Amino acid sequence: MDYEDSLVATGEVLKNGAGRFLSALLRPNITFVAGTDIDAAMAIHHEIHKVCFTARSVNFPVSYDPEFIISGEAHSATV
């Protein structure tokens, strides 16, 4: 198994110069060995926000757009 993640975030800067993030999108690429149950992997990832370190550590929404890669095939599932 291999895991890489890229993050896309949206933020704002107020007139007084203060800034903050408004939302984030995690875009992990998760590679599994052949024979992995892709449906089970997608089902688990749909529940990942409940235990996600990033999502539980910030005060703005975090969404997920994973790509599952098995034996050269890519499968996407937005969470």
N, C-alpha and C. Protein backbone atom coordinates (compact mmCIF):
# COMPACT_ATOMS: atom_id res chain seq x y z
N MET A 1 0.84 -1.17 0.00
CA MET A 1 0.00 0.00 0.00
C MET A 1 0.88 1.24 0.00
N ASP A 2 0.44 2.24 -0.73
CA ASP A 2 1.14 3.51 -0.78
C ASP A 2 0.10 4.62 -0.64
N TYR A 3 0.49 5.72 -0.01
CA TYR A 3 -0.45 6.82 0.23
C TYR A 3 0.26 8.13 -0.04
N GLU A 4 -0.31 8.94 -0.92
CA GLU A 4 0.15 10.30 -1.15
C GLU A 4 -1.06 11.21 -1.06
N ASP A 5 -0.87 12.42 -0.56
CA ASP A 5 -2.00 13.32 -0.42
C ASP A 5 -1.60 14.70 -0.93
N SER A 6 -2.54 15.38 -1.56
CA SER A 6 -2.34 16.78 -1.91
C SER A 6 -3.53 17.54 -1.34
N LEU A 7 -3.30 18.76 -0.99
CA LEU A 7 -4.30 19.58 -0.31
C LEU A 7 -4.62 20.80 -1.16
N VAL A 8 -5.90 21.11 -1.28
CA VAL A 8 -6.35 22.35 -1.90
C VAL A 8 -7.15 23.07 -0.83
N ALA A 9 -6.77 24.30 -0.52
CA ALA A 9 -7.45 25.04 0.54
C ALA A 9 -7.96 26.37 0.01
N THR A 10 -9.04 26.84 0.61
CA THR A 10 -9.61 28.15 0.29
C THR A 10 -9.50 29.01 1.54
N GLY A 11 -9.05 30.24 1.35
CA GLY A 11 -8.90 31.13 2.49
C GLY A 11 -9.39 32.53 2.16
N GLU A 12 -9.29 33.38 3.15
CA GLU A 12 -9.66 34.79 2.96
C GLU A 12 -8.74 35.67 3.78
N VAL A 13 -8.56 36.90 3.34
CA VAL A 13 -7.82 37.91 4.08
C VAL A 13 -8.77 39.09 4.29
N LEU A 14 -8.96 39.44 5.55
CA LEU A 14 -9.85 40.54 5.89
C LEU A 14 -9.18 41.89 5.63
N LYS A 15 -9.95 42.95 5.66
CA LYS A 15 -9.42 44.30 5.42
C LYS A 15 -8.31 44.67 6.40
N ASN A 16 -8.38 44.12 7.61
CA ASN A 16 -7.37 44.45 8.62
C ASN A 16 -6.10 43.60 8.46
N GLY A 17 -6.08 42.73 7.44
CA GLY A 17 -4.90 41.92 7.17
C GLY A 17 -4.93 40.54 7.79
N ALA A 18 -5.90 40.29 8.66
CA ALA A 18 -6.00 38.97 9.29
C ALA A 18 -6.50 37.96 8.25
N GLY A 19 -5.94 36.78 8.27
CA GLY A 19 -6.35 35.75 7.32
C GLY A 19 -6.79 34.49 8.03
N ARG A 20 -7.50 33.65 7.28
CA ARG A 20 -7.93 32.36 7.82
C ARG A 20 -8.31 31.44 6.66
N PHE A 21 -8.26 30.15 6.93
CA PHE A 21 -8.74 29.17 5.98
C PHE A 21 -10.24 29.01 6.15
N LEU A 22 -10.94 28.80 5.04
CA LEU A 22 -12.39 28.59 5.06
C LEU A 22 -12.77 27.14 4.82
N SER A 23 -11.95 26.43 4.04
CA SER A 23 -12.21 25.03 3.76
C SER A 23 -10.96 24.38 3.19
N ALA A 24 -10.96 23.06 3.18
CA ALA A 24 -9.84 22.31 2.62
C ALA A 24 -10.37 21.06 1.92
N LEU A 25 -9.68 20.67 0.87
CA LEU A 25 -9.99 19.45 0.14
C LEU A 25 -8.74 18.59 0.13
N LEU A 26 -8.83 17.42 0.72
CA LEU A 26 -7.74 16.46 0.68
C LEU A 26 -7.94 15.56 -0.53
N ARG A 27 -6.87 15.35 -1.30
CA ARG A 27 -6.96 14.56 -2.53
C ARG A 27 -5.94 13.42 -2.48
N PRO A 28 -6.23 12.41 -1.67
CA PRO A 28 -5.26 11.32 -1.54
C PRO A 28 -5.26 10.38 -2.75
N ASN A 29 -4.07 9.90 -3.09
CA ASN A 29 -3.90 8.81 -4.05
C ASN A 29 -3.46 7.61 -3.23
N ILE A 30 -4.29 6.57 -3.21
CA ILE A 30 -4.04 5.40 -2.37
C ILE A 30 -3.86 4.20 -3.29
N THR A 31 -2.68 3.58 -3.24
CA THR A 31 -2.39 2.45 -4.10
C THR A 31 -2.44 1.17 -3.29
N PHE A 32 -3.22 0.20 -3.78
CA PHE A 32 -3.37 -1.11 -3.14
C PHE A 32 -2.84 -2.20 -4.06
N VAL A 33 -2.55 -3.34 -3.49
CA VAL A 33 -2.13 -4.49 -4.28
C VAL A 33 -3.35 -5.11 -4.96
N ALA A 34 -3.11 -5.83 -6.04
CA ALA A 34 -4.19 -6.53 -6.74
C ALA A 34 -4.90 -7.46 -5.75
N GLY A 35 -6.21 -7.55 -5.90
CA GLY A 35 -7.01 -8.39 -5.02
C GLY A 35 -7.66 -7.64 -3.88
N THR A 36 -7.29 -6.37 -3.70
CA THR A 36 -7.91 -5.55 -2.65
C THR A 36 -9.36 -5.30 -3.01
N ASP A 37 -10.23 -5.33 -2.04
CA ASP A 37 -11.66 -5.07 -2.24
C ASP A 37 -11.88 -3.56 -2.35
N ILE A 38 -12.02 -3.08 -3.58
CA ILE A 38 -12.16 -1.64 -3.81
C ILE A 38 -13.44 -1.09 -3.19
N ASP A 39 -14.51 -1.86 -3.18
CA ASP A 39 -15.76 -1.40 -2.56
C ASP A 39 -15.58 -1.20 -1.06
N ALA A 40 -14.86 -2.11 -0.41
CA ALA A 40 -14.59 -1.97 1.02
C ALA A 40 -13.70 -0.75 1.28
N ALA A 41 -12.71 -0.53 0.43
CA ALA A 41 -11.82 0.63 0.59
C ALA A 41 -12.61 1.93 0.47
N MET A 42 -13.51 1.99 -0.51
CA MET A 42 -14.34 3.19 -0.68
C MET A 42 -15.28 3.39 0.52
N ALA A 43 -15.86 2.31 1.01
CA ALA A 43 -16.76 2.40 2.16
C ALA A 43 -16.03 2.92 3.40
N ILE A 44 -14.82 2.43 3.62
CA ILE A 44 -14.02 2.90 4.76
C ILE A 44 -13.70 4.38 4.59
N HIS A 45 -13.34 4.78 3.38
CA HIS A 45 -12.96 6.17 3.17
C HIS A 45 -14.15 7.12 3.33
N HIS A 46 -15.36 6.63 3.09
CA HIS A 46 -16.55 7.46 3.30
C HIS A 46 -16.75 7.78 4.78
N GLU A 47 -16.17 7.00 5.66
CA GLU A 47 -16.29 7.22 7.10
C GLU A 47 -15.03 7.85 7.71
N ILE A 48 -14.03 8.11 6.91
CA ILE A 48 -12.72 8.52 7.42
C ILE A 48 -12.76 9.86 8.16
N HIS A 49 -13.69 10.74 7.78
CA HIS A 49 -13.76 12.05 8.43
C HIS A 49 -13.98 11.96 9.94
N LYS A 50 -14.56 10.86 10.39
CA LYS A 50 -14.81 10.70 11.82
C LYS A 50 -13.53 10.54 12.63
N VAL A 51 -12.45 10.09 11.98
CA VAL A 51 -11.19 9.88 12.69
C VAL A 51 -10.02 10.63 12.05
N CYS A 52 -10.30 11.42 11.03
CA CYS A 52 -9.24 12.13 10.30
C CYS A 52 -8.56 13.15 11.21
N PHE A 53 -7.24 13.01 11.34
CA PHE A 53 -6.46 13.91 12.19
C PHE A 53 -6.62 15.36 11.75
N THR A 54 -6.52 15.60 10.45
CA THR A 54 -6.63 16.97 9.94
C THR A 54 -8.01 17.55 10.20
N ALA A 55 -9.05 16.82 9.81
CA ALA A 55 -10.42 17.34 9.97
C ALA A 55 -10.79 17.57 11.43
N ARG A 56 -10.27 16.75 12.32
CA ARG A 56 -10.60 16.89 13.74
C ARG A 56 -9.75 17.96 14.43
N SER A 57 -8.76 18.52 13.72
CA SER A 57 -7.84 19.48 14.32
C SER A 57 -8.08 20.92 13.88
N VAL A 58 -9.01 21.13 12.96
CA VAL A 58 -9.23 22.48 12.44
C VAL A 58 -10.69 22.89 12.61
N ASN A 59 -10.96 24.18 12.47
CA ASN A 59 -12.32 24.68 12.68
C ASN A 59 -13.00 25.09 11.37
N PHE A 60 -12.66 24.41 10.29
CA PHE A 60 -13.30 24.65 9.00
C PHE A 60 -13.56 23.29 8.34
N PRO A 61 -14.47 23.25 7.37
CA PRO A 61 -14.82 21.97 6.74
C PRO A 61 -13.64 21.38 5.94
N VAL A 62 -13.50 20.07 6.04
CA VAL A 62 -12.51 19.33 5.27
C VAL A 62 -13.27 18.26 4.47
N SER A 63 -13.08 18.25 3.17
CA SER A 63 -13.70 17.23 2.33
C SER A 63 -12.61 16.40 1.67
N TYR A 64 -13.02 15.31 1.03
CA TYR A 64 -12.07 14.34 0.50
C TYR A 64 -12.45 13.97 -0.92
N ASP A 65 -11.46 13.79 -1.76
CA ASP A 65 -11.65 13.33 -3.13
C ASP A 65 -10.56 12.28 -3.40
N PRO A 66 -10.76 11.06 -2.88
CA PRO A 66 -9.71 10.05 -2.99
C PRO A 66 -9.66 9.41 -4.38
N GLU A 67 -8.47 8.95 -4.74
CA GLU A 67 -8.30 8.13 -5.93
C GLU A 67 -7.66 6.83 -5.47
N PHE A 68 -8.34 5.72 -5.73
CA PHE A 68 -7.85 4.40 -5.37
C PHE A 68 -7.20 3.78 -6.60
N ILE A 69 -5.99 3.31 -6.45
CA ILE A 69 -5.25 2.73 -7.56
C ILE A 69 -4.94 1.28 -7.23
N ILE A 70 -5.39 0.37 -8.11
CA ILE A 70 -5.15 -1.05 -7.92
C ILE A 70 -4.64 -1.61 -9.24
N SER A 71 -3.46 -2.18 -9.22
CA SER A 71 -2.89 -2.84 -10.40
C SER A 71 -3.01 -2.00 -11.66
N GLY A 72 -2.68 -0.70 -11.54
CA GLY A 72 -2.71 0.15 -12.71
C GLY A 72 -4.07 0.73 -13.05
N GLU A 73 -5.12 0.40 -12.30
CA GLU A 73 -6.45 0.95 -12.54
C GLU A 73 -6.74 2.02 -11.50
N ALA A 74 -7.34 3.13 -11.91
CA ALA A 74 -7.69 4.20 -10.98
C ALA A 74 -9.19 4.25 -10.77
N HIS A 75 -9.60 4.45 -9.53
CA HIS A 75 -11.02 4.54 -9.15
C HIS A 75 -11.17 5.76 -8.25
N SER A 76 -12.06 6.69 -8.61
CA SER A 76 -12.26 7.89 -7.81
C SER A 76 -13.58 7.81 -7.06
N ALA A 77 -13.60 8.43 -5.88
CA ALA A 77 -14.83 8.48 -5.07
C ALA A 77 -14.77 9.74 -4.22
N THR A 78 -15.63 10.70 -4.49
CA THR A 78 -15.66 11.92 -3.69
C THR A 78 -16.39 11.65 -2.39
N VAL A 79 -15.77 12.08 -1.30
CA VAL A 79 -16.34 11.89 0.04
C VAL A 79 -16.68 13.25 0.60
